[in-house]
């Protein structure tokens, strides 16, 4: 499902997604209220969500979805003129973010990743997000000692940072998907992070992904 108040943007994204055989656009919404109604009716696998909309904005949509049972994963589409807004979206449960000038391959890959349970964080903007996070005065978790990550956990962390889903990580590292899930759970615990995106931001702050 596409949620954006600019009709031209929706038409452009829909046109791109039509070129992918395994992606179907179930509906489009021009504001948050319309989006919530359509999401409840069509149950999409992924929601591509703009943040800045009149009426109920993207943050409001995320807040409303968080109160529903089994909400669909949300991928934020942004022009990136407001770092703080994107951070609020990630804190509100978004699975990742894309710039609106992404290529078709990047867009389709991101949709597939989020549909498969993964997260998406474009490397080109992750550092900017990190700086915005630091400007807010937030610090890395006060760990008693630097996290002792195994070599395999670092391998998994790098692929998580690149936006890979668990199944893709398993294929890349020749591991069982259940093993990857265990590694991700261990990373979240060691990095004191509530989700994969926060784990990546914390790892960047601590210099674990240099």
N, C-alpha and C. Protein backbone atom coordinates (compact mmCIF):
# COMPACT_ATOMS: atom_id res chain seq x y z
N UNK A 1 0.83 -1.19 0.00
CA UNK A 1 0.00 0.00 0.00
C UNK A 1 0.87 1.24 0.00
N UNK A 2 0.46 2.24 -0.80
CA UNK A 2 1.19 3.51 -0.90
C UNK A 2 0.44 4.58 -0.12
N UNK A 3 1.15 5.31 0.72
CA UNK A 3 0.54 6.40 1.49
C UNK A 3 1.38 7.65 1.29
N UNK A 4 0.86 8.60 0.51
CA UNK A 4 1.58 9.84 0.24
C UNK A 4 0.56 10.87 -0.22
N UNK A 5 0.69 12.10 0.27
CA UNK A 5 -0.30 13.10 -0.10
C UNK A 5 -0.07 13.68 -1.50
N UNK A 6 1.06 13.38 -2.11
CA UNK A 6 1.34 13.90 -3.46
C UNK A 6 0.98 12.85 -4.51
N UNK A 7 0.00 13.17 -5.30
CA UNK A 7 -0.48 12.22 -6.30
C UNK A 7 0.61 11.83 -7.29
N UNK A 8 1.41 12.78 -7.70
CA UNK A 8 2.46 12.49 -8.67
C UNK A 8 3.47 11.49 -8.11
N UNK A 9 3.79 11.63 -6.84
CA UNK A 9 4.72 10.69 -6.20
C UNK A 9 4.11 9.29 -6.18
N UNK A 10 2.84 9.20 -5.81
CA UNK A 10 2.18 7.88 -5.78
C UNK A 10 2.17 7.25 -7.16
N UNK A 11 1.85 8.05 -8.18
CA UNK A 11 1.80 7.51 -9.53
C UNK A 11 3.18 7.02 -9.98
N UNK A 12 4.22 7.76 -9.61
CA UNK A 12 5.57 7.36 -9.98
C UNK A 12 5.99 6.06 -9.31
N UNK A 13 5.70 5.95 -8.02
CA UNK A 13 6.06 4.73 -7.29
C UNK A 13 5.25 3.55 -7.81
N UNK A 14 3.95 3.77 -8.03
CA UNK A 14 3.12 2.68 -8.55
C UNK A 14 3.63 2.21 -9.90
N UNK A 15 4.02 3.15 -10.74
CA UNK A 15 4.54 2.78 -12.06
C UNK A 15 5.80 1.94 -11.96
N UNK A 16 6.68 2.29 -11.01
CA UNK A 16 7.89 1.51 -10.82
C UNK A 16 7.58 0.10 -10.32
N UNK A 17 6.69 0.02 -9.34
CA UNK A 17 6.39 -1.28 -8.74
C UNK A 17 5.69 -2.22 -9.71
N UNK A 18 5.00 -1.66 -10.70
CA UNK A 18 4.35 -2.50 -11.70
C UNK A 18 5.36 -3.30 -12.53
N UNK A 19 6.61 -2.84 -12.53
CA UNK A 19 7.64 -3.54 -13.29
C UNK A 19 8.16 -4.78 -12.56
N UNK A 20 7.78 -4.93 -11.30
CA UNK A 20 8.19 -6.10 -10.51
C UNK A 20 7.08 -7.14 -10.52
N UNK A 21 7.40 -8.35 -10.93
CA UNK A 21 6.38 -9.39 -11.07
C UNK A 21 5.75 -9.79 -9.74
N UNK A 22 6.50 -9.67 -8.64
CA UNK A 22 6.01 -10.19 -7.37
C UNK A 22 5.49 -9.10 -6.42
N UNK A 23 5.27 -7.90 -6.94
CA UNK A 23 4.75 -6.81 -6.11
C UNK A 23 3.44 -6.30 -6.70
N UNK A 24 2.40 -6.23 -5.88
CA UNK A 24 1.09 -5.74 -6.31
C UNK A 24 0.68 -4.60 -5.38
N UNK A 25 0.28 -3.47 -5.96
CA UNK A 25 -0.20 -2.34 -5.16
C UNK A 25 -1.69 -2.55 -4.89
N UNK A 26 -2.03 -2.77 -3.63
CA UNK A 26 -3.42 -3.04 -3.25
C UNK A 26 -4.24 -1.77 -3.12
N UNK A 27 -3.59 -0.66 -2.82
CA UNK A 27 -4.35 0.56 -2.62
C UNK A 27 -3.44 1.74 -2.40
N UNK A 28 -4.02 2.93 -2.47
CA UNK A 28 -3.28 4.17 -2.26
C UNK A 28 -4.09 5.08 -1.35
N UNK A 29 -3.39 5.83 -0.53
CA UNK A 29 -4.05 6.76 0.37
C UNK A 29 -3.31 8.10 0.35
N UNK A 30 -4.08 9.18 0.44
CA UNK A 30 -3.51 10.52 0.38
C UNK A 30 -3.33 11.15 1.76
N UNK A 31 -3.84 10.48 2.79
CA UNK A 31 -3.66 11.00 4.15
C UNK A 31 -3.75 9.85 5.14
N UNK A 32 -3.42 10.14 6.38
CA UNK A 32 -3.35 9.09 7.38
C UNK A 32 -4.66 8.42 7.69
N UNK A 33 -5.74 9.18 7.75
CA UNK A 33 -7.05 8.60 8.06
C UNK A 33 -7.48 7.61 6.98
N UNK A 34 -7.29 8.01 5.73
CA UNK A 34 -7.62 7.11 4.62
C UNK A 34 -6.73 5.87 4.65
N UNK A 35 -5.47 6.07 5.03
CA UNK A 35 -4.53 4.95 5.09
C UNK A 35 -4.97 3.90 6.10
N UNK A 36 -5.37 4.34 7.28
CA UNK A 36 -5.77 3.39 8.32
C UNK A 36 -7.01 2.60 7.89
N UNK A 37 -7.94 3.28 7.22
CA UNK A 37 -9.15 2.59 6.76
C UNK A 37 -8.81 1.53 5.73
N UNK A 38 -7.92 1.88 4.78
CA UNK A 38 -7.55 0.94 3.72
C UNK A 38 -6.68 -0.20 4.25
N UNK A 39 -5.81 0.11 5.19
CA UNK A 39 -4.97 -0.94 5.77
C UNK A 39 -5.83 -1.99 6.47
N UNK A 40 -6.83 -1.52 7.21
CA UNK A 40 -7.72 -2.46 7.88
C UNK A 40 -8.52 -3.31 6.92
N UNK A 41 -8.81 -2.74 5.75
CA UNK A 41 -9.65 -3.46 4.78
C UNK A 41 -8.86 -4.38 3.87
N UNK A 42 -7.64 -3.97 3.47
CA UNK A 42 -6.89 -4.74 2.49
C UNK A 42 -5.79 -5.60 3.08
N UNK A 43 -5.36 -5.31 4.32
CA UNK A 43 -4.31 -6.06 5.00
C UNK A 43 -3.06 -6.23 4.13
N UNK A 44 -2.39 -5.15 3.76
CA UNK A 44 -1.20 -5.26 2.91
C UNK A 44 -0.03 -5.91 3.64
N UNK A 45 0.89 -6.47 2.87
CA UNK A 45 2.10 -7.06 3.44
C UNK A 45 3.12 -6.00 3.84
N UNK A 46 3.09 -4.85 3.14
CA UNK A 46 4.02 -3.75 3.41
C UNK A 46 3.29 -2.43 3.16
N UNK A 47 3.55 -1.45 4.00
CA UNK A 47 3.03 -0.09 3.80
C UNK A 47 4.20 0.84 3.52
N UNK A 48 4.17 1.52 2.37
CA UNK A 48 5.15 2.55 2.05
C UNK A 48 4.55 3.87 2.50
N UNK A 49 5.14 4.49 3.50
CA UNK A 49 4.51 5.59 4.20
C UNK A 49 5.31 6.89 4.12
N UNK A 50 4.66 7.94 3.65
CA UNK A 50 5.23 9.28 3.74
C UNK A 50 5.00 9.79 5.16
N UNK A 51 5.85 10.67 5.63
CA UNK A 51 5.71 11.17 6.99
C UNK A 51 4.97 12.49 7.07
N UNK A 52 5.21 13.37 6.14
CA UNK A 52 4.64 14.71 6.20
C UNK A 52 3.39 14.79 5.33
N UNK A 53 2.23 14.71 5.99
CA UNK A 53 0.95 14.76 5.30
C UNK A 53 0.00 15.63 6.11
N UNK A 54 -0.97 16.25 5.45
CA UNK A 54 -1.97 17.04 6.18
C UNK A 54 -2.89 16.13 6.99
N UNK A 55 -3.49 16.67 8.03
CA UNK A 55 -4.37 15.85 8.85
C UNK A 55 -3.55 14.91 9.72
N UNK A 56 -3.80 13.63 9.59
CA UNK A 56 -3.04 12.62 10.34
C UNK A 56 -1.77 12.30 9.57
N UNK A 57 -0.61 12.63 10.15
CA UNK A 57 0.64 12.41 9.43
C UNK A 57 1.16 10.99 9.65
N UNK A 58 2.35 10.72 9.10
CA UNK A 58 2.91 9.38 9.19
C UNK A 58 3.17 8.92 10.61
N UNK A 59 3.60 9.82 11.48
CA UNK A 59 3.83 9.46 12.87
C UNK A 59 2.51 9.04 13.52
N UNK A 60 1.44 9.76 13.20
CA UNK A 60 0.12 9.40 13.73
C UNK A 60 -0.34 8.05 13.24
N UNK A 61 -0.05 7.74 11.98
CA UNK A 61 -0.40 6.42 11.43
C UNK A 61 0.34 5.33 12.17
N UNK A 62 1.63 5.52 12.39
CA UNK A 62 2.42 4.52 13.11
C UNK A 62 1.88 4.32 14.53
N UNK A 63 1.51 5.42 15.18
CA UNK A 63 0.97 5.31 16.53
C UNK A 63 -0.33 4.53 16.55
N UNK A 64 -1.20 4.80 15.57
CA UNK A 64 -2.48 4.09 15.51
C UNK A 64 -2.26 2.61 15.20
N UNK A 65 -1.34 2.31 14.29
CA UNK A 65 -1.07 0.91 13.94
C UNK A 65 -0.50 0.14 15.12
N UNK A 66 0.29 0.82 15.95
CA UNK A 66 0.90 0.15 17.11
C UNK A 66 -0.15 -0.35 18.09
N UNK A 67 -1.33 0.21 18.04
CA UNK A 67 -2.39 -0.19 18.95
C UNK A 67 -3.29 -1.28 18.37
N UNK A 68 -3.00 -1.70 17.13
CA UNK A 68 -3.80 -2.74 16.50
C UNK A 68 -3.12 -4.09 16.63
N UNK A 69 -3.87 -5.13 16.39
CA UNK A 69 -3.32 -6.48 16.46
C UNK A 69 -2.68 -6.84 15.14
N UNK A 70 -1.44 -7.28 15.18
CA UNK A 70 -0.70 -7.72 13.99
C UNK A 70 -0.66 -6.64 12.90
N UNK A 71 -0.09 -5.47 13.19
CA UNK A 71 0.00 -4.41 12.17
C UNK A 71 0.99 -4.79 11.08
N UNK A 72 0.78 -4.29 9.86
CA UNK A 72 1.72 -4.59 8.77
C UNK A 72 3.03 -3.84 8.96
N UNK A 73 4.12 -4.37 8.44
CA UNK A 73 5.39 -3.64 8.52
C UNK A 73 5.34 -2.36 7.69
N UNK A 74 5.99 -1.33 8.19
CA UNK A 74 5.95 -0.02 7.54
C UNK A 74 7.36 0.39 7.11
N UNK A 75 7.46 0.82 5.86
CA UNK A 75 8.70 1.33 5.31
C UNK A 75 8.50 2.81 4.98
N UNK A 76 9.28 3.67 5.62
CA UNK A 76 9.12 5.11 5.45
C UNK A 76 9.78 5.57 4.15
N UNK A 77 9.05 6.37 3.39
CA UNK A 77 9.61 7.04 2.21
C UNK A 77 9.76 8.51 2.56
N UNK A 78 10.96 9.04 2.43
CA UNK A 78 11.21 10.39 2.91
C UNK A 78 12.07 11.19 1.95
N UNK A 79 11.89 12.50 1.97
CA UNK A 79 12.79 13.41 1.26
C UNK A 79 13.97 13.77 2.15
N UNK A 80 13.91 13.36 3.39
CA UNK A 80 14.96 13.54 4.39
C UNK A 80 15.27 15.00 4.67
N UNK A 81 14.24 15.80 4.78
CA UNK A 81 14.46 17.19 5.19
C UNK A 81 14.20 17.37 6.68
N UNK A 82 13.93 16.29 7.38
CA UNK A 82 13.68 16.39 8.81
C UNK A 82 14.18 15.12 9.50
N UNK A 83 15.43 15.15 9.95
CA UNK A 83 16.03 13.98 10.60
C UNK A 83 15.24 13.54 11.82
N UNK A 84 14.81 14.51 12.63
CA UNK A 84 14.12 14.17 13.87
C UNK A 84 12.83 13.42 13.59
N UNK A 85 12.16 13.79 12.50
CA UNK A 85 10.90 13.13 12.16
C UNK A 85 11.15 11.67 11.81
N UNK A 86 12.22 11.41 11.09
CA UNK A 86 12.56 10.03 10.74
C UNK A 86 12.91 9.23 11.98
N UNK A 87 13.65 9.84 12.91
CA UNK A 87 13.98 9.15 14.16
C UNK A 87 12.72 8.82 14.95
N UNK A 88 11.77 9.73 14.95
CA UNK A 88 10.49 9.46 15.64
C UNK A 88 9.77 8.31 14.97
N UNK A 89 9.86 8.24 13.66
CA UNK A 89 9.20 7.15 12.93
C UNK A 89 9.83 5.81 13.29
N UNK A 90 11.15 5.77 13.34
CA UNK A 90 11.84 4.53 13.71
C UNK A 90 11.49 4.14 15.14
N UNK A 91 11.43 5.14 16.02
CA UNK A 91 11.03 4.86 17.39
C UNK A 91 9.59 4.41 17.50
N UNK A 92 8.78 4.80 16.50
CA UNK A 92 7.36 4.43 16.49
C UNK A 92 7.07 3.10 15.85
N UNK A 93 8.12 2.43 15.38
CA UNK A 93 7.91 1.08 14.87
C UNK A 93 8.17 0.88 13.40
N UNK A 94 8.57 1.92 12.65
CA UNK A 94 8.87 1.74 11.23
C UNK A 94 10.03 0.76 11.07
N UNK A 95 9.97 -0.06 10.03
CA UNK A 95 11.01 -1.07 9.80
C UNK A 95 12.21 -0.52 9.04
N UNK A 96 12.14 0.74 8.62
CA UNK A 96 13.27 1.30 7.90
C UNK A 96 12.85 2.53 7.13
N UNK A 97 13.75 3.02 6.29
CA UNK A 97 13.49 4.25 5.58
C UNK A 97 14.19 4.22 4.23
N UNK A 98 13.58 4.87 3.26
CA UNK A 98 14.14 5.02 1.92
C UNK A 98 13.99 6.47 1.48
N UNK A 99 14.95 6.94 0.71
CA UNK A 99 14.79 8.23 0.07
C UNK A 99 13.90 8.07 -1.15
N UNK A 100 13.16 9.11 -1.48
CA UNK A 100 12.21 9.04 -2.59
C UNK A 100 12.87 8.97 -3.96
N UNK A 101 14.18 9.16 -4.01
CA UNK A 101 14.87 9.08 -5.30
C UNK A 101 15.55 7.73 -5.50
N UNK A 102 15.11 6.70 -4.77
CA UNK A 102 15.72 5.38 -4.91
C UNK A 102 15.45 4.82 -6.30
N UNK A 103 16.30 3.89 -6.70
CA UNK A 103 16.11 3.22 -7.98
C UNK A 103 15.04 2.14 -7.84
N UNK A 104 14.57 1.63 -8.98
CA UNK A 104 13.60 0.54 -8.95
C UNK A 104 14.14 -0.66 -8.20
N UNK A 105 15.37 -1.05 -8.49
CA UNK A 105 15.95 -2.23 -7.83
C UNK A 105 16.00 -2.04 -6.31
N UNK A 106 16.39 -0.85 -5.87
CA UNK A 106 16.46 -0.58 -4.43
C UNK A 106 15.08 -0.62 -3.80
N UNK A 107 14.10 -0.05 -4.48
CA UNK A 107 12.74 -0.02 -3.95
C UNK A 107 12.17 -1.41 -3.81
N UNK A 108 12.28 -2.20 -4.87
CA UNK A 108 11.72 -3.56 -4.85
C UNK A 108 12.45 -4.42 -3.83
N UNK A 109 13.77 -4.28 -3.75
CA UNK A 109 14.54 -5.05 -2.77
C UNK A 109 14.11 -4.69 -1.35
N UNK A 110 13.87 -3.41 -1.11
CA UNK A 110 13.45 -2.98 0.22
C UNK A 110 12.08 -3.53 0.57
N UNK A 111 11.16 -3.51 -0.37
CA UNK A 111 9.82 -4.06 -0.13
C UNK A 111 9.91 -5.55 0.20
N UNK A 112 10.71 -6.26 -0.56
CA UNK A 112 10.86 -7.70 -0.31
C UNK A 112 11.48 -7.96 1.06
N UNK A 113 12.48 -7.15 1.41
CA UNK A 113 13.16 -7.33 2.70
C UNK A 113 12.20 -7.11 3.87
N UNK A 114 11.44 -6.03 3.81
CA UNK A 114 10.51 -5.72 4.89
C UNK A 114 9.39 -6.75 4.94
N UNK A 115 8.90 -7.18 3.79
CA UNK A 115 7.86 -8.22 3.75
C UNK A 115 8.36 -9.51 4.37
N UNK A 116 9.66 -9.76 4.25
CA UNK A 116 10.24 -10.98 4.80
C UNK A 116 10.66 -10.87 6.25
N UNK A 117 10.36 -9.73 6.88
CA UNK A 117 10.67 -9.57 8.29
C UNK A 117 11.96 -8.82 8.58
N UNK A 118 12.62 -8.32 7.54
CA UNK A 118 13.87 -7.61 7.75
C UNK A 118 13.67 -6.11 7.94
N UNK A 119 14.77 -5.41 8.06
CA UNK A 119 14.75 -3.96 8.18
C UNK A 119 15.59 -3.36 7.06
N UNK A 120 15.32 -2.11 6.74
CA UNK A 120 16.02 -1.43 5.66
C UNK A 120 16.60 -0.12 6.18
N UNK A 121 17.90 0.05 6.01
CA UNK A 121 18.56 1.29 6.42
C UNK A 121 19.59 1.63 5.36
N UNK A 122 19.29 2.61 4.52
CA UNK A 122 20.22 2.97 3.46
C UNK A 122 21.52 3.50 4.05
N UNK A 123 22.67 2.91 3.69
CA UNK A 123 23.94 3.36 4.24
C UNK A 123 24.18 4.85 4.03
N UNK A 124 23.69 5.40 2.93
CA UNK A 124 23.95 6.81 2.61
C UNK A 124 23.33 7.75 3.63
N UNK A 125 22.29 7.31 4.33
CA UNK A 125 21.61 8.21 5.26
C UNK A 125 21.72 7.75 6.70
N UNK A 126 22.24 6.54 6.93
CA UNK A 126 22.35 6.05 8.30
C UNK A 126 23.26 6.94 9.13
N UNK A 127 24.36 7.40 8.55
CA UNK A 127 25.27 8.26 9.31
C UNK A 127 24.61 9.57 9.68
N UNK A 128 23.80 10.11 8.78
CA UNK A 128 23.08 11.35 9.08
C UNK A 128 22.09 11.13 10.21
N UNK A 129 21.42 10.00 10.19
CA UNK A 129 20.50 9.67 11.27
C UNK A 129 21.25 9.56 12.59
N UNK A 130 22.41 8.94 12.54
CA UNK A 130 23.21 8.78 13.75
C UNK A 130 23.57 10.14 14.33
N UNK A 131 23.99 11.07 13.48
CA UNK A 131 24.34 12.41 13.97
C UNK A 131 23.13 13.11 14.57
N UNK A 132 21.96 12.92 13.93
CA UNK A 132 20.74 13.53 14.48
C UNK A 132 20.42 12.93 15.84
N UNK A 133 20.61 11.64 15.97
CA UNK A 133 20.37 10.95 17.24
C UNK A 133 21.27 11.52 18.32
N UNK A 134 22.53 11.76 17.96
CA UNK A 134 23.47 12.30 18.93
C UNK A 134 23.14 13.74 19.29
N UNK A 135 22.60 14.51 18.32
CA UNK A 135 22.23 15.89 18.61
C UNK A 135 21.12 15.96 19.64
N UNK A 136 20.33 14.89 19.71
CA UNK A 136 19.25 14.87 20.69
C UNK A 136 19.78 14.65 22.10
N UNK A 137 21.09 14.41 22.20
CA UNK A 137 21.69 14.20 23.51
C UNK A 137 21.60 12.77 23.99
N UNK A 138 21.18 11.85 23.09
CA UNK A 138 21.10 10.45 23.48
C UNK A 138 22.49 9.83 23.40
N UNK A 139 22.77 8.98 24.33
CA UNK A 139 24.06 8.32 24.37
C UNK A 139 23.86 6.82 24.17
N UNK A 140 24.93 6.13 23.82
CA UNK A 140 24.84 4.67 23.74
C UNK A 140 24.45 4.11 25.11
N UNK A 141 23.92 2.91 25.15
CA UNK A 141 23.54 2.33 26.43
C UNK A 141 24.74 2.26 27.38
N UNK A 142 24.46 2.52 28.65
CA UNK A 142 25.53 2.52 29.65
C UNK A 142 25.89 1.08 29.99
N UNK A 143 26.66 0.44 29.14
CA UNK A 143 27.04 -0.93 29.35
C UNK A 143 28.18 -0.99 30.36
N UNK A 144 28.17 -2.03 31.17
CA UNK A 144 29.22 -2.17 32.18
C UNK A 144 30.58 -2.33 31.53
N UNK A 145 30.59 -2.92 30.33
CA UNK A 145 31.82 -3.11 29.57
C UNK A 145 31.45 -3.12 28.10
N UNK A 146 32.39 -2.84 27.21
CA UNK A 146 32.08 -2.90 25.78
C UNK A 146 31.51 -4.27 25.43
N UNK A 147 30.50 -4.30 24.57
CA UNK A 147 29.87 -5.59 24.25
C UNK A 147 30.87 -6.55 23.63
N UNK A 148 30.90 -7.75 24.13
CA UNK A 148 31.83 -8.78 23.65
C UNK A 148 31.11 -9.58 22.56
N UNK A 149 31.25 -9.11 21.33
CA UNK A 149 30.57 -9.78 20.21
C UNK A 149 31.49 -10.83 19.61
N UNK A 150 30.91 -11.95 19.28
CA UNK A 150 31.68 -12.98 18.60
C UNK A 150 31.89 -12.57 17.14
N UNK A 151 32.83 -13.24 16.49
CA UNK A 151 33.08 -12.95 15.07
C UNK A 151 31.82 -13.18 14.25
N UNK A 152 31.07 -14.21 14.55
CA UNK A 152 29.85 -14.50 13.81
C UNK A 152 28.79 -13.44 14.07
N UNK A 153 28.70 -12.96 15.32
CA UNK A 153 27.73 -11.90 15.62
C UNK A 153 28.06 -10.62 14.85
N UNK A 154 29.34 -10.32 14.71
CA UNK A 154 29.74 -9.14 13.93
C UNK A 154 29.34 -9.33 12.47
N UNK A 155 29.54 -10.54 11.94
CA UNK A 155 29.13 -10.82 10.56
C UNK A 155 27.64 -10.58 10.38
N UNK A 156 26.86 -11.07 11.33
CA UNK A 156 25.40 -10.91 11.27
C UNK A 156 25.04 -9.43 11.40
N UNK A 157 25.70 -8.74 12.33
CA UNK A 157 25.42 -7.33 12.55
C UNK A 157 25.66 -6.51 11.28
N UNK A 158 26.72 -6.78 10.56
CA UNK A 158 27.02 -6.05 9.33
C UNK A 158 25.91 -6.26 8.29
N UNK A 159 25.41 -7.47 8.20
CA UNK A 159 24.35 -7.74 7.23
C UNK A 159 23.01 -7.14 7.68
N UNK A 160 22.78 -7.12 8.98
CA UNK A 160 21.60 -6.43 9.50
C UNK A 160 21.67 -4.95 9.14
N UNK A 161 22.85 -4.36 9.30
CA UNK A 161 23.04 -2.94 8.98
C UNK A 161 22.82 -2.67 7.50
N UNK A 162 23.10 -3.66 6.67
CA UNK A 162 22.91 -3.51 5.23
C UNK A 162 21.46 -3.76 4.81
N UNK A 163 20.59 -4.11 5.78
CA UNK A 163 19.19 -4.29 5.48
C UNK A 163 18.78 -5.70 5.12
N UNK A 164 19.66 -6.68 5.34
CA UNK A 164 19.33 -8.06 5.00
C UNK A 164 18.30 -8.64 5.97
N UNK A 165 17.36 -9.42 5.45
CA UNK A 165 16.43 -10.16 6.29
C UNK A 165 17.12 -11.42 6.82
N UNK A 166 16.54 -12.04 7.84
CA UNK A 166 17.16 -13.22 8.44
C UNK A 166 17.44 -14.32 7.41
N UNK A 167 16.48 -14.55 6.52
CA UNK A 167 16.66 -15.61 5.52
C UNK A 167 17.84 -15.30 4.61
N UNK A 168 17.99 -14.01 4.24
CA UNK A 168 19.11 -13.62 3.37
C UNK A 168 20.44 -13.74 4.10
N UNK A 169 20.43 -13.39 5.38
CA UNK A 169 21.66 -13.54 6.18
C UNK A 169 22.04 -15.01 6.27
N UNK A 170 21.05 -15.85 6.49
CA UNK A 170 21.30 -17.29 6.58
C UNK A 170 21.94 -17.81 5.29
N UNK A 171 21.42 -17.36 4.16
CA UNK A 171 21.97 -17.79 2.87
C UNK A 171 23.39 -17.28 2.69
N UNK A 172 23.61 -16.02 3.02
CA UNK A 172 24.93 -15.41 2.82
C UNK A 172 26.00 -16.05 3.69
N UNK A 173 25.62 -16.42 4.91
CA UNK A 173 26.60 -16.95 5.87
C UNK A 173 26.54 -18.47 5.98
N UNK A 174 25.68 -19.09 5.17
CA UNK A 174 25.54 -20.56 5.18
C UNK A 174 25.15 -21.07 6.57
N UNK A 175 24.13 -20.43 7.13
CA UNK A 175 23.62 -20.81 8.45
C UNK A 175 22.15 -21.17 8.34
N UNK A 176 21.63 -21.86 9.34
CA UNK A 176 20.20 -22.08 9.43
C UNK A 176 19.52 -20.78 9.84
N UNK A 177 18.30 -20.55 9.35
CA UNK A 177 17.61 -19.30 9.68
C UNK A 177 17.39 -19.19 11.18
N UNK A 178 17.12 -20.32 11.85
CA UNK A 178 16.94 -20.28 13.30
C UNK A 178 18.21 -19.84 14.02
N UNK A 179 19.36 -20.24 13.48
CA UNK A 179 20.64 -19.81 14.07
C UNK A 179 20.82 -18.31 13.94
N UNK A 180 20.43 -17.78 12.78
CA UNK A 180 20.52 -16.33 12.57
C UNK A 180 19.62 -15.60 13.56
N UNK A 181 18.41 -16.10 13.76
CA UNK A 181 17.49 -15.48 14.71
C UNK A 181 18.10 -15.45 16.11
N UNK A 182 18.78 -16.53 16.47
CA UNK A 182 19.43 -16.57 17.78
C UNK A 182 20.54 -15.53 17.88
N UNK A 183 21.32 -15.38 16.80
CA UNK A 183 22.38 -14.37 16.79
C UNK A 183 21.80 -12.96 16.92
N UNK A 184 20.71 -12.70 16.20
CA UNK A 184 20.09 -11.38 16.26
C UNK A 184 19.57 -11.10 17.67
N UNK A 185 18.94 -12.09 18.28
CA UNK A 185 18.45 -11.93 19.65
C UNK A 185 19.60 -11.63 20.60
N UNK A 186 20.72 -12.31 20.41
CA UNK A 186 21.89 -12.08 21.25
C UNK A 186 22.44 -10.67 21.05
N UNK A 187 22.44 -10.19 19.79
CA UNK A 187 22.91 -8.84 19.50
C UNK A 187 22.03 -7.79 20.18
N UNK A 188 20.72 -7.98 20.10
CA UNK A 188 19.81 -7.03 20.74
C UNK A 188 20.05 -6.97 22.24
N UNK A 189 20.30 -8.13 22.83
CA UNK A 189 20.54 -8.19 24.27
C UNK A 189 21.87 -7.50 24.62
N UNK A 190 22.92 -7.83 23.89
CA UNK A 190 24.24 -7.28 24.20
C UNK A 190 24.31 -5.78 23.94
N UNK A 191 23.56 -5.30 22.94
CA UNK A 191 23.58 -3.88 22.60
C UNK A 191 22.48 -3.10 23.31
N UNK A 192 21.71 -3.81 24.14
CA UNK A 192 20.63 -3.17 24.89
C UNK A 192 19.71 -2.38 23.95
N UNK A 193 19.34 -3.02 22.83
CA UNK A 193 18.52 -2.37 21.81
C UNK A 193 17.18 -3.07 21.69
N UNK A 194 16.11 -2.28 21.51
CA UNK A 194 14.78 -2.88 21.44
C UNK A 194 14.43 -3.38 20.05
N UNK A 195 15.21 -2.96 19.02
CA UNK A 195 14.93 -3.42 17.67
C UNK A 195 16.22 -3.38 16.86
N UNK A 196 16.14 -3.88 15.63
CA UNK A 196 17.33 -4.00 14.79
C UNK A 196 17.90 -2.64 14.41
N UNK A 197 17.03 -1.68 14.13
CA UNK A 197 17.50 -0.36 13.73
C UNK A 197 18.28 0.30 14.86
N UNK A 198 17.74 0.21 16.09
CA UNK A 198 18.45 0.77 17.24
C UNK A 198 19.77 0.04 17.47
N UNK A 199 19.79 -1.26 17.21
CA UNK A 199 21.03 -2.01 17.37
C UNK A 199 22.10 -1.49 16.42
N UNK A 200 21.71 -1.20 15.18
CA UNK A 200 22.66 -0.68 14.19
C UNK A 200 23.15 0.70 14.61
N UNK A 201 22.24 1.58 15.03
CA UNK A 201 22.65 2.92 15.46
C UNK A 201 23.59 2.85 16.66
N UNK A 202 23.27 1.98 17.61
CA UNK A 202 24.13 1.82 18.78
C UNK A 202 25.51 1.28 18.37
N UNK A 203 25.51 0.31 17.46
CA UNK A 203 26.78 -0.27 17.01
C UNK A 203 27.64 0.78 16.31
N UNK A 204 27.00 1.64 15.52
CA UNK A 204 27.73 2.74 14.86
C UNK A 204 28.32 3.69 15.90
N UNK A 205 27.51 4.03 16.90
CA UNK A 205 27.97 4.95 17.93
C UNK A 205 29.17 4.37 18.69
N UNK A 206 29.14 3.09 18.94
CA UNK A 206 30.21 2.44 19.70
C UNK A 206 31.40 2.07 18.83
N UNK A 207 31.31 2.36 17.52
CA UNK A 207 32.43 2.06 16.62
C UNK A 207 32.56 0.60 16.26
N UNK A 208 31.47 -0.16 16.38
CA UNK A 208 31.54 -1.60 16.11
C UNK A 208 31.42 -1.93 14.63
N UNK A 209 31.05 -0.95 13.82
CA UNK A 209 30.89 -1.18 12.39
C UNK A 209 31.87 -0.37 11.56
N UNK A 210 32.94 0.07 12.18
CA UNK A 210 33.94 0.85 11.45
C UNK A 210 34.58 -0.02 10.38
